[in-house]
Amino acid sequence: IDRYYIEGFLARHADDVRGRVLEVADDSYTRQFGGERVSASDVLTLEAGDPNATIVGDLTSAEHIPSNTFECATVTQTLHLIYDVRAAVETLHRILKPGGVLLATVPGISHTAYPERDDQSYWTFTILSARRLMEEVFPAGNVVVETHGNVLAATGFLQGLGAGELRREELEFRDPDYE
């Protein structure tokens, strides 16, 4: 269910996936939504030896990534796994070119541990916390925060349902109490 919202968000902002693009873990969304608008694609991973990686590093301390490098950074479902999330956002701001776009998704409601990956979730976000975090680093007039979902979609997600098990109108209903 979360991928329904993530992919819808990226589809609505596909024109921003252009030029040199950074994506975390793999470049599947860069290829899917950027296509021929992408001149270069980089993949950031934490672990050396990952065959997908073109850049190895941690967003909280990535001095080796040059400033003003990317027109777009696609960071889906990553920031909540980083304890020093503000440092990660500062890095993303620094490595984007002027006018560059950060397309980030974060969970509001989610499970908190991923034993198959040793990832731990440190944060969940509301529209207020996501906006404030981004506006502390990016110019406030350039920050757009969207929320999606409702109690049915949240419950379905937590129960392990897929988007295909709910009707489109059930998924599209926006409830500000269950972002």
N, C-alpha and C. Protein backbone atom coordinates (compact mmCIF):
# COMPACT_ATOMS: atom_id res chain seq x y z
N ILE A 1 0.83 -1.19 0.00
CA ILE A 1 0.00 0.00 0.00
C ILE A 1 0.87 1.25 0.00
N ASP A 2 1.98 1.24 0.74
CA ASP A 2 2.82 2.44 0.74
C ASP A 2 3.38 2.73 -0.64
N ARG A 3 3.70 1.68 -1.41
CA ARG A 3 4.24 1.89 -2.75
C ARG A 3 3.21 2.54 -3.68
N TYR A 4 1.94 2.32 -3.43
CA TYR A 4 0.88 2.98 -4.20
C TYR A 4 1.04 4.50 -4.07
N TYR A 5 1.21 4.96 -2.85
CA TYR A 5 1.35 6.40 -2.60
C TYR A 5 2.70 6.93 -3.09
N ILE A 6 3.76 6.17 -2.86
CA ILE A 6 5.10 6.59 -3.29
C ILE A 6 5.15 6.73 -4.81
N GLU A 7 4.67 5.72 -5.51
CA GLU A 7 4.74 5.76 -6.97
C GLU A 7 3.79 6.80 -7.55
N GLY A 8 2.66 7.04 -6.91
CA GLY A 8 1.77 8.12 -7.34
C GLY A 8 2.44 9.47 -7.19
N PHE A 9 3.10 9.68 -6.06
CA PHE A 9 3.84 10.92 -5.80
C PHE A 9 4.92 11.13 -6.87
N LEU A 10 5.71 10.09 -7.12
CA LEU A 10 6.78 10.22 -8.11
C LEU A 10 6.23 10.44 -9.52
N ALA A 11 5.11 9.81 -9.84
CA ALA A 11 4.49 10.01 -11.16
C ALA A 11 4.04 11.47 -11.32
N ARG A 12 3.48 12.05 -10.26
CA ARG A 12 3.04 13.44 -10.33
C ARG A 12 4.21 14.41 -10.45
N HIS A 13 5.39 13.99 -10.00
CA HIS A 13 6.57 14.86 -10.04
C HIS A 13 7.64 14.32 -11.01
N ALA A 14 7.22 13.52 -11.95
CA ALA A 14 8.16 12.88 -12.88
C ALA A 14 8.99 13.90 -13.66
N ASP A 15 8.43 15.05 -13.98
CA ASP A 15 9.20 16.06 -14.73
C ASP A 15 10.41 16.55 -13.96
N ASP A 16 10.41 16.40 -12.64
CA ASP A 16 11.55 16.81 -11.81
C ASP A 16 12.68 15.78 -11.84
N VAL A 17 12.42 14.58 -12.29
CA VAL A 17 13.44 13.53 -12.36
C VAL A 17 14.17 13.74 -13.69
N ARG A 18 15.24 14.54 -13.63
CA ARG A 18 15.92 14.98 -14.84
C ARG A 18 17.38 15.31 -14.53
N GLY A 19 18.17 15.41 -15.59
CA GLY A 19 19.58 15.75 -15.43
C GLY A 19 20.33 14.66 -14.71
N ARG A 20 21.23 15.06 -13.84
CA ARG A 20 21.96 14.08 -13.02
C ARG A 20 21.13 13.82 -11.77
N VAL A 21 20.79 12.55 -11.55
CA VAL A 21 19.87 12.15 -10.48
C VAL A 21 20.59 11.22 -9.51
N LEU A 22 20.35 11.46 -8.22
CA LEU A 22 20.82 10.57 -7.17
C LEU A 22 19.62 9.82 -6.61
N GLU A 23 19.76 8.51 -6.44
CA GLU A 23 18.74 7.71 -5.79
C GLU A 23 19.42 6.80 -4.77
N VAL A 24 18.72 6.49 -3.71
CA VAL A 24 19.26 5.64 -2.66
C VAL A 24 18.92 4.17 -2.97
N ALA A 25 19.90 3.31 -2.85
CA ALA A 25 19.79 1.84 -2.94
C ALA A 25 19.77 1.29 -4.36
N ASP A 26 19.00 1.85 -5.25
CA ASP A 26 19.01 1.44 -6.65
C ASP A 26 18.43 2.57 -7.49
N ASP A 27 18.45 2.41 -8.80
CA ASP A 27 17.98 3.50 -9.67
C ASP A 27 16.66 3.17 -10.35
N SER A 28 15.88 2.28 -9.77
CA SER A 28 14.64 1.86 -10.43
C SER A 28 13.65 3.01 -10.63
N TYR A 29 13.50 3.87 -9.64
CA TYR A 29 12.57 4.99 -9.80
C TYR A 29 13.14 6.04 -10.76
N THR A 30 14.45 6.23 -10.77
CA THR A 30 15.07 7.15 -11.71
C THR A 30 14.75 6.69 -13.13
N ARG A 31 14.93 5.40 -13.40
CA ARG A 31 14.65 4.87 -14.74
C ARG A 31 13.16 4.94 -15.05
N GLN A 32 12.33 4.55 -14.10
CA GLN A 32 10.88 4.51 -14.33
C GLN A 32 10.28 5.89 -14.57
N PHE A 33 10.69 6.88 -13.80
CA PHE A 33 10.04 8.19 -13.87
C PHE A 33 10.86 9.25 -14.60
N GLY A 34 12.16 9.01 -14.80
CA GLY A 34 12.99 10.00 -15.46
C GLY A 34 13.20 9.73 -16.93
N GLY A 35 13.36 8.47 -17.27
CA GLY A 35 13.56 8.10 -18.67
C GLY A 35 14.66 8.89 -19.33
N GLU A 36 14.35 9.44 -20.51
CA GLU A 36 15.35 10.14 -21.31
C GLU A 36 15.70 11.52 -20.76
N ARG A 37 14.96 12.01 -19.78
CA ARG A 37 15.31 13.31 -19.16
C ARG A 37 16.54 13.19 -18.27
N VAL A 38 16.93 11.97 -17.94
CA VAL A 38 18.08 11.73 -17.05
C VAL A 38 19.34 11.61 -17.89
N SER A 39 20.31 12.48 -17.58
CA SER A 39 21.59 12.42 -18.29
C SER A 39 22.60 11.53 -17.57
N ALA A 40 22.46 11.41 -16.25
CA ALA A 40 23.36 10.56 -15.46
C ALA A 40 22.60 10.12 -14.21
N SER A 41 22.84 8.89 -13.81
CA SER A 41 22.16 8.33 -12.64
C SER A 41 23.20 7.78 -11.67
N ASP A 42 23.11 8.23 -10.42
CA ASP A 42 23.99 7.72 -9.38
C ASP A 42 23.16 7.03 -8.32
N VAL A 43 23.72 5.98 -7.74
CA VAL A 43 23.06 5.23 -6.68
C VAL A 43 23.93 5.29 -5.44
N LEU A 44 23.33 5.77 -4.35
CA LEU A 44 24.03 5.87 -3.06
C LEU A 44 23.66 4.68 -2.19
N THR A 45 24.67 3.99 -1.69
CA THR A 45 24.45 2.91 -0.72
C THR A 45 25.42 3.08 0.44
N LEU A 46 25.06 2.48 1.55
CA LEU A 46 25.93 2.51 2.74
C LEU A 46 27.10 1.54 2.63
N GLU A 47 26.88 0.43 1.98
CA GLU A 47 27.83 -0.67 1.98
C GLU A 47 28.69 -0.70 0.71
N ALA A 48 30.00 -0.76 0.88
CA ALA A 48 30.89 -0.98 -0.25
C ALA A 48 30.63 -2.39 -0.78
N GLY A 49 30.79 -2.56 -2.06
CA GLY A 49 30.59 -3.87 -2.66
C GLY A 49 29.20 -4.08 -3.21
N ASP A 50 28.28 -3.17 -2.96
CA ASP A 50 26.94 -3.28 -3.53
C ASP A 50 27.05 -3.02 -5.02
N PRO A 51 26.63 -3.97 -5.85
CA PRO A 51 26.80 -3.80 -7.30
C PRO A 51 25.99 -2.63 -7.88
N ASN A 52 24.98 -2.17 -7.17
CA ASN A 52 24.19 -1.03 -7.65
C ASN A 52 24.86 0.30 -7.38
N ALA A 53 25.80 0.34 -6.44
CA ALA A 53 26.36 1.60 -5.95
C ALA A 53 27.30 2.25 -6.95
N THR A 54 27.09 3.56 -7.12
CA THR A 54 28.10 4.38 -7.79
C THR A 54 28.74 5.32 -6.76
N ILE A 55 28.05 5.50 -5.62
CA ILE A 55 28.57 6.29 -4.51
C ILE A 55 28.31 5.51 -3.23
N VAL A 56 29.33 5.33 -2.42
CA VAL A 56 29.17 4.66 -1.13
C VAL A 56 29.33 5.72 -0.05
N GLY A 57 28.38 5.76 0.86
CA GLY A 57 28.49 6.73 1.93
C GLY A 57 27.23 6.83 2.75
N ASP A 58 27.32 7.67 3.74
CA ASP A 58 26.25 7.91 4.69
C ASP A 58 25.79 9.34 4.49
N LEU A 59 24.51 9.55 4.30
CA LEU A 59 24.00 10.90 4.06
C LEU A 59 24.31 11.87 5.21
N THR A 60 24.59 11.36 6.39
CA THR A 60 24.87 12.26 7.51
C THR A 60 26.30 12.80 7.48
N SER A 61 27.16 12.16 6.73
CA SER A 61 28.57 12.60 6.66
C SER A 61 29.13 12.24 5.30
N ALA A 62 28.69 12.95 4.29
CA ALA A 62 29.06 12.61 2.92
C ALA A 62 29.86 13.73 2.27
N GLU A 63 30.92 14.14 2.95
CA GLU A 63 31.75 15.23 2.42
C GLU A 63 32.37 14.88 1.08
N HIS A 64 32.50 13.59 0.79
CA HIS A 64 33.11 13.16 -0.47
C HIS A 64 32.18 13.36 -1.67
N ILE A 65 30.91 13.64 -1.43
CA ILE A 65 29.99 13.94 -2.54
C ILE A 65 30.08 15.44 -2.80
N PRO A 66 30.46 15.83 -4.00
CA PRO A 66 30.63 17.26 -4.27
C PRO A 66 29.32 18.04 -4.14
N SER A 67 29.44 19.27 -3.71
CA SER A 67 28.28 20.17 -3.62
C SER A 67 27.78 20.51 -5.02
N ASN A 68 26.51 20.89 -5.09
CA ASN A 68 25.91 21.37 -6.35
C ASN A 68 26.09 20.38 -7.50
N THR A 69 25.80 19.11 -7.24
CA THR A 69 26.05 18.06 -8.23
C THR A 69 24.79 17.58 -8.93
N PHE A 70 23.68 17.50 -8.24
CA PHE A 70 22.49 16.82 -8.76
C PHE A 70 21.34 17.77 -9.03
N GLU A 71 20.63 17.52 -10.13
CA GLU A 71 19.40 18.24 -10.40
C GLU A 71 18.24 17.66 -9.60
N CYS A 72 18.36 16.38 -9.25
CA CYS A 72 17.28 15.71 -8.52
C CYS A 72 17.87 14.64 -7.60
N ALA A 73 17.30 14.52 -6.43
CA ALA A 73 17.63 13.42 -5.52
C ALA A 73 16.30 12.75 -5.14
N THR A 74 16.23 11.45 -5.38
CA THR A 74 15.04 10.67 -5.06
C THR A 74 15.37 9.82 -3.84
N VAL A 75 14.72 10.13 -2.73
CA VAL A 75 15.04 9.49 -1.46
C VAL A 75 13.73 8.96 -0.88
N THR A 76 13.41 7.72 -1.23
CA THR A 76 12.15 7.14 -0.80
C THR A 76 12.35 6.22 0.40
N GLN A 77 11.52 6.44 1.41
CA GLN A 77 11.48 5.59 2.60
C GLN A 77 12.87 5.33 3.17
N THR A 78 13.64 6.40 3.33
CA THR A 78 15.01 6.31 3.82
C THR A 78 15.24 7.16 5.05
N LEU A 79 14.74 8.39 5.04
CA LEU A 79 15.07 9.34 6.10
C LEU A 79 14.67 8.86 7.49
N HIS A 80 13.62 8.08 7.60
CA HIS A 80 13.19 7.60 8.92
C HIS A 80 14.15 6.57 9.51
N LEU A 81 15.07 6.05 8.69
CA LEU A 81 16.05 5.06 9.14
C LEU A 81 17.36 5.71 9.59
N ILE A 82 17.44 7.03 9.50
CA ILE A 82 18.66 7.77 9.82
C ILE A 82 18.43 8.54 11.11
N TYR A 83 19.22 8.25 12.12
CA TYR A 83 19.02 8.93 13.41
C TYR A 83 19.23 10.44 13.28
N ASP A 84 20.33 10.85 12.66
CA ASP A 84 20.61 12.28 12.50
C ASP A 84 19.99 12.75 11.19
N VAL A 85 18.68 12.74 11.17
CA VAL A 85 17.93 13.03 9.94
C VAL A 85 18.20 14.46 9.46
N ARG A 86 18.39 15.39 10.37
CA ARG A 86 18.66 16.78 9.95
C ARG A 86 19.98 16.86 9.18
N ALA A 87 21.00 16.16 9.63
CA ALA A 87 22.28 16.15 8.92
C ALA A 87 22.11 15.56 7.52
N ALA A 88 21.30 14.54 7.40
CA ALA A 88 21.04 13.94 6.09
C ALA A 88 20.35 14.93 5.16
N VAL A 89 19.37 15.66 5.67
CA VAL A 89 18.68 16.66 4.86
C VAL A 89 19.65 17.79 4.48
N GLU A 90 20.52 18.18 5.38
CA GLU A 90 21.52 19.20 5.07
C GLU A 90 22.44 18.73 3.94
N THR A 91 22.86 17.47 3.99
CA THR A 91 23.69 16.92 2.91
C THR A 91 22.94 16.96 1.59
N LEU A 92 21.68 16.54 1.61
CA LEU A 92 20.90 16.53 0.38
C LEU A 92 20.78 17.94 -0.19
N HIS A 93 20.55 18.91 0.67
CA HIS A 93 20.48 20.30 0.21
C HIS A 93 21.81 20.73 -0.41
N ARG A 94 22.91 20.38 0.23
CA ARG A 94 24.24 20.78 -0.24
C ARG A 94 24.58 20.16 -1.60
N ILE A 95 24.21 18.92 -1.82
CA ILE A 95 24.61 18.24 -3.06
C ILE A 95 23.67 18.52 -4.23
N LEU A 96 22.51 19.13 -3.95
CA LEU A 96 21.63 19.54 -5.04
C LEU A 96 22.13 20.84 -5.65
N LYS A 97 22.03 20.94 -6.96
CA LYS A 97 22.36 22.19 -7.64
C LYS A 97 21.31 23.23 -7.28
N PRO A 98 21.63 24.51 -7.42
CA PRO A 98 20.59 25.52 -7.24
C PRO A 98 19.42 25.21 -8.19
N GLY A 99 18.22 25.21 -7.65
CA GLY A 99 17.05 24.84 -8.44
C GLY A 99 16.80 23.35 -8.49
N GLY A 100 17.69 22.56 -7.87
CA GLY A 100 17.51 21.12 -7.83
C GLY A 100 16.34 20.73 -6.94
N VAL A 101 15.86 19.52 -7.12
CA VAL A 101 14.65 19.06 -6.44
C VAL A 101 14.94 17.81 -5.62
N LEU A 102 14.50 17.83 -4.37
CA LEU A 102 14.51 16.64 -3.52
C LEU A 102 13.12 16.04 -3.54
N LEU A 103 13.01 14.80 -4.00
CA LEU A 103 11.77 14.05 -3.96
C LEU A 103 11.93 13.01 -2.86
N ALA A 104 11.39 13.30 -1.70
CA ALA A 104 11.56 12.42 -0.54
C ALA A 104 10.20 11.92 -0.08
N THR A 105 10.16 10.66 0.33
CA THR A 105 8.97 10.12 0.96
C THR A 105 9.36 9.58 2.33
N VAL A 106 8.46 9.78 3.28
CA VAL A 106 8.67 9.30 4.65
C VAL A 106 7.37 8.72 5.16
N PRO A 107 7.44 7.74 6.06
CA PRO A 107 6.21 7.17 6.59
C PRO A 107 5.62 7.99 7.72
N GLY A 108 4.31 7.96 7.80
CA GLY A 108 3.62 8.51 8.96
C GLY A 108 3.23 7.39 9.91
N ILE A 109 2.82 6.28 9.33
CA ILE A 109 2.43 5.10 10.09
C ILE A 109 3.16 3.92 9.45
N SER A 110 3.89 3.15 10.25
CA SER A 110 4.65 2.04 9.68
C SER A 110 5.09 1.10 10.79
N HIS A 111 5.54 -0.09 10.38
CA HIS A 111 6.20 -0.95 11.35
C HIS A 111 7.58 -0.34 11.61
N THR A 112 8.22 -0.73 12.68
CA THR A 112 9.42 -0.02 13.10
C THR A 112 10.72 -0.80 12.96
N ALA A 113 10.67 -2.05 12.61
CA ALA A 113 11.90 -2.82 12.47
C ALA A 113 11.82 -3.68 11.22
N TYR A 114 12.94 -3.87 10.58
CA TYR A 114 13.04 -4.66 9.38
C TYR A 114 14.13 -5.71 9.59
N PRO A 115 13.80 -6.80 10.27
CA PRO A 115 14.85 -7.75 10.67
C PRO A 115 15.64 -8.33 9.50
N GLU A 116 15.03 -8.42 8.34
CA GLU A 116 15.75 -8.98 7.20
C GLU A 116 16.85 -8.05 6.70
N ARG A 117 16.80 -6.75 7.10
CA ARG A 117 17.80 -5.79 6.65
C ARG A 117 18.56 -5.15 7.80
N ASP A 118 18.29 -5.51 9.02
CA ASP A 118 18.92 -4.89 10.19
C ASP A 118 18.65 -3.39 10.28
N ASP A 119 17.63 -2.90 9.56
CA ASP A 119 17.28 -1.48 9.64
C ASP A 119 16.39 -1.26 10.84
N GLN A 120 16.54 -0.12 11.45
CA GLN A 120 15.68 0.29 12.54
C GLN A 120 15.09 1.64 12.21
N SER A 121 13.83 1.78 12.46
CA SER A 121 13.14 3.03 12.20
C SER A 121 13.28 3.94 13.41
N TYR A 122 13.80 5.14 13.20
CA TYR A 122 13.94 6.10 14.28
C TYR A 122 12.79 7.09 14.34
N TRP A 123 12.16 7.36 13.19
CA TRP A 123 11.19 8.45 13.12
C TRP A 123 9.95 8.04 12.33
N THR A 124 8.84 8.63 12.69
CA THR A 124 7.68 8.72 11.81
C THR A 124 7.38 10.20 11.70
N PHE A 125 6.70 10.59 10.66
CA PHE A 125 6.53 12.01 10.38
C PHE A 125 5.06 12.38 10.23
N THR A 126 4.75 13.59 10.62
CA THR A 126 3.46 14.20 10.33
C THR A 126 3.73 15.29 9.29
N ILE A 127 2.68 15.87 8.78
CA ILE A 127 2.88 16.96 7.83
C ILE A 127 3.64 18.11 8.50
N LEU A 128 3.38 18.34 9.78
CA LEU A 128 4.05 19.42 10.50
C LEU A 128 5.54 19.14 10.69
N SER A 129 5.89 17.92 11.12
CA SER A 129 7.30 17.61 11.35
C SER A 129 8.09 17.55 10.05
N ALA A 130 7.49 17.00 9.01
CA ALA A 130 8.18 16.93 7.71
C ALA A 130 8.42 18.33 7.16
N ARG A 131 7.40 19.18 7.22
CA ARG A 131 7.56 20.55 6.72
C ARG A 131 8.61 21.31 7.52
N ARG A 132 8.54 21.21 8.83
CA ARG A 132 9.51 21.94 9.66
C ARG A 132 10.94 21.47 9.41
N LEU A 133 11.14 20.16 9.33
CA LEU A 133 12.47 19.61 9.04
C LEU A 133 13.00 20.16 7.73
N MET A 134 12.18 20.13 6.68
CA MET A 134 12.64 20.59 5.37
C MET A 134 12.85 22.10 5.35
N GLU A 135 11.96 22.86 6.00
CA GLU A 135 12.08 24.32 5.99
C GLU A 135 13.24 24.83 6.83
N GLU A 136 13.78 24.00 7.73
CA GLU A 136 14.97 24.39 8.47
C GLU A 136 16.22 24.35 7.59
N VAL A 137 16.12 23.67 6.45
CA VAL A 137 17.28 23.52 5.57
C VAL A 137 17.04 24.15 4.20
N PHE A 138 15.89 23.91 3.60
CA PHE A 138 15.54 24.44 2.29
C PHE A 138 14.74 25.73 2.47
N PRO A 139 14.77 26.64 1.49
CA PRO A 139 13.94 27.85 1.59
C PRO A 139 12.46 27.47 1.74
N ALA A 140 11.80 28.06 2.71
CA ALA A 140 10.42 27.69 3.04
C ALA A 140 9.49 27.79 1.83
N GLY A 141 9.70 28.77 0.98
CA GLY A 141 8.84 28.94 -0.19
C GLY A 141 9.00 27.84 -1.22
N ASN A 142 10.04 27.06 -1.09
CA ASN A 142 10.29 25.97 -2.04
C ASN A 142 9.87 24.61 -1.51
N VAL A 143 9.39 24.54 -0.29
CA VAL A 143 9.03 23.26 0.33
C VAL A 143 7.54 22.98 0.11
N VAL A 144 7.27 21.82 -0.46
CA VAL A 144 5.90 21.35 -0.62
C VAL A 144 5.82 19.99 0.05
N VAL A 145 4.89 19.85 0.98
CA VAL A 145 4.71 18.58 1.68
C VAL A 145 3.30 18.09 1.39
N GLU A 146 3.19 16.85 0.95
CA GLU A 146 1.90 16.22 0.68
C GLU A 146 1.70 15.08 1.66
N THR A 147 0.46 14.85 2.04
CA THR A 147 0.14 13.66 2.82
C THR A 147 -0.92 12.87 2.08
N HIS A 148 -0.92 11.59 2.33
CA HIS A 148 -1.87 10.70 1.67
C HIS A 148 -2.30 9.64 2.67
N GLY A 149 -3.45 9.05 2.44
CA GLY A 149 -3.87 7.91 3.23
C GLY A 149 -5.05 8.20 4.13
N ASN A 150 -5.42 7.18 4.86
CA ASN A 150 -6.59 7.21 5.74
C ASN A 150 -6.49 5.99 6.65
N VAL A 151 -7.42 5.88 7.58
CA VAL A 151 -7.35 4.79 8.56
C VAL A 151 -7.48 3.42 7.89
N LEU A 152 -8.30 3.28 6.85
CA LEU A 152 -8.43 2.00 6.17
C LEU A 152 -7.11 1.61 5.49
N ALA A 153 -6.50 2.55 4.77
CA ALA A 153 -5.23 2.26 4.10
C ALA A 153 -4.14 1.96 5.12
N ALA A 154 -4.11 2.72 6.22
CA ALA A 154 -3.12 2.49 7.27
C ALA A 154 -3.28 1.11 7.89
N THR A 155 -4.52 0.77 8.20
CA THR A 155 -4.79 -0.55 8.78
C THR A 155 -4.42 -1.66 7.80
N GLY A 156 -4.81 -1.49 6.55
CA GLY A 156 -4.46 -2.48 5.53
C GLY A 156 -2.96 -2.64 5.39
N PHE A 157 -2.24 -1.53 5.38
CA PHE A 157 -0.78 -1.56 5.28
C PHE A 157 -0.18 -2.32 6.46
N LEU A 158 -0.63 -1.99 7.68
CA LEU A 158 -0.09 -2.65 8.87
C LEU A 158 -0.44 -4.13 8.90
N GLN A 159 -1.54 -4.50 8.26
CA GLN A 159 -1.94 -5.91 8.20
C GLN A 159 -1.26 -6.66 7.05
N GLY A 160 -0.50 -5.94 6.23
CA GLY A 160 0.22 -6.58 5.13
C GLY A 160 -0.56 -6.69 3.84
N LEU A 161 -1.66 -5.95 3.70
CA LEU A 161 -2.42 -5.98 2.45
C LEU A 161 -1.67 -5.23 1.37
N GLY A 162 -1.97 -5.58 0.13
CA GLY A 162 -1.44 -4.85 -1.01
C GLY A 162 -2.47 -3.85 -1.51
N ALA A 163 -2.03 -2.89 -2.29
CA ALA A 163 -2.93 -1.86 -2.80
C ALA A 163 -4.05 -2.46 -3.64
N GLY A 164 -3.78 -3.56 -4.31
CA GLY A 164 -4.79 -4.21 -5.14
C GLY A 164 -5.94 -4.80 -4.35
N GLU A 165 -5.78 -4.89 -3.05
CA GLU A 165 -6.85 -5.44 -2.21
C GLU A 165 -7.82 -4.38 -1.71
N LEU A 166 -7.53 -3.12 -2.04
CA LEU A 166 -8.44 -2.03 -1.71
C LEU A 166 -8.87 -1.35 -3.01
N ARG A 167 -10.06 -0.77 -3.00
CA ARG A 167 -10.53 -0.04 -4.17
C ARG A 167 -9.79 1.31 -4.26
N ARG A 168 -9.68 1.82 -5.47
CA ARG A 168 -8.97 3.08 -5.69
C ARG A 168 -9.55 4.19 -4.82
N GLU A 169 -10.87 4.28 -4.75
CA GLU A 169 -11.49 5.34 -3.94
C GLU A 169 -11.18 5.17 -2.45
N GLU A 170 -10.96 3.95 -2.01
CA GLU A 170 -10.57 3.72 -0.62
C GLU A 170 -9.14 4.22 -0.37
N LEU A 171 -8.28 4.02 -1.35
CA LEU A 171 -6.90 4.47 -1.23
C LEU A 171 -6.79 5.99 -1.39
N GLU A 172 -7.59 6.56 -2.25
CA GLU A 172 -7.48 8.00 -2.57
C GLU A 172 -8.10 8.90 -1.51
N PHE A 173 -8.98 8.37 -0.67
CA PHE A 173 -9.59 9.21 0.36
C PHE A 173 -8.49 9.71 1.30
N ARG A 174 -8.43 11.02 1.51
CA ARG A 174 -7.41 11.61 2.39
C ARG A 174 -8.05 11.97 3.72
N ASP A 175 -7.48 11.43 4.77
CA ASP A 175 -7.94 11.71 6.12
C ASP A 175 -6.78 12.34 6.87
N PRO A 176 -6.89 13.62 7.25
CA PRO A 176 -5.77 14.27 7.91
C PRO A 176 -5.41 13.69 9.27
N ASP A 177 -6.29 12.87 9.84
CA ASP A 177 -5.98 12.23 11.11
C ASP A 177 -5.16 10.94 10.92
N TYR A 178 -5.06 10.46 9.69
CA TYR A 178 -4.29 9.25 9.38
C TYR A 178 -3.50 9.48 8.10
N GLU A 179 -2.49 10.33 8.19
CA GLU A 179 -1.67 10.67 7.02
C GLU A 179 -0.86 9.48 6.57
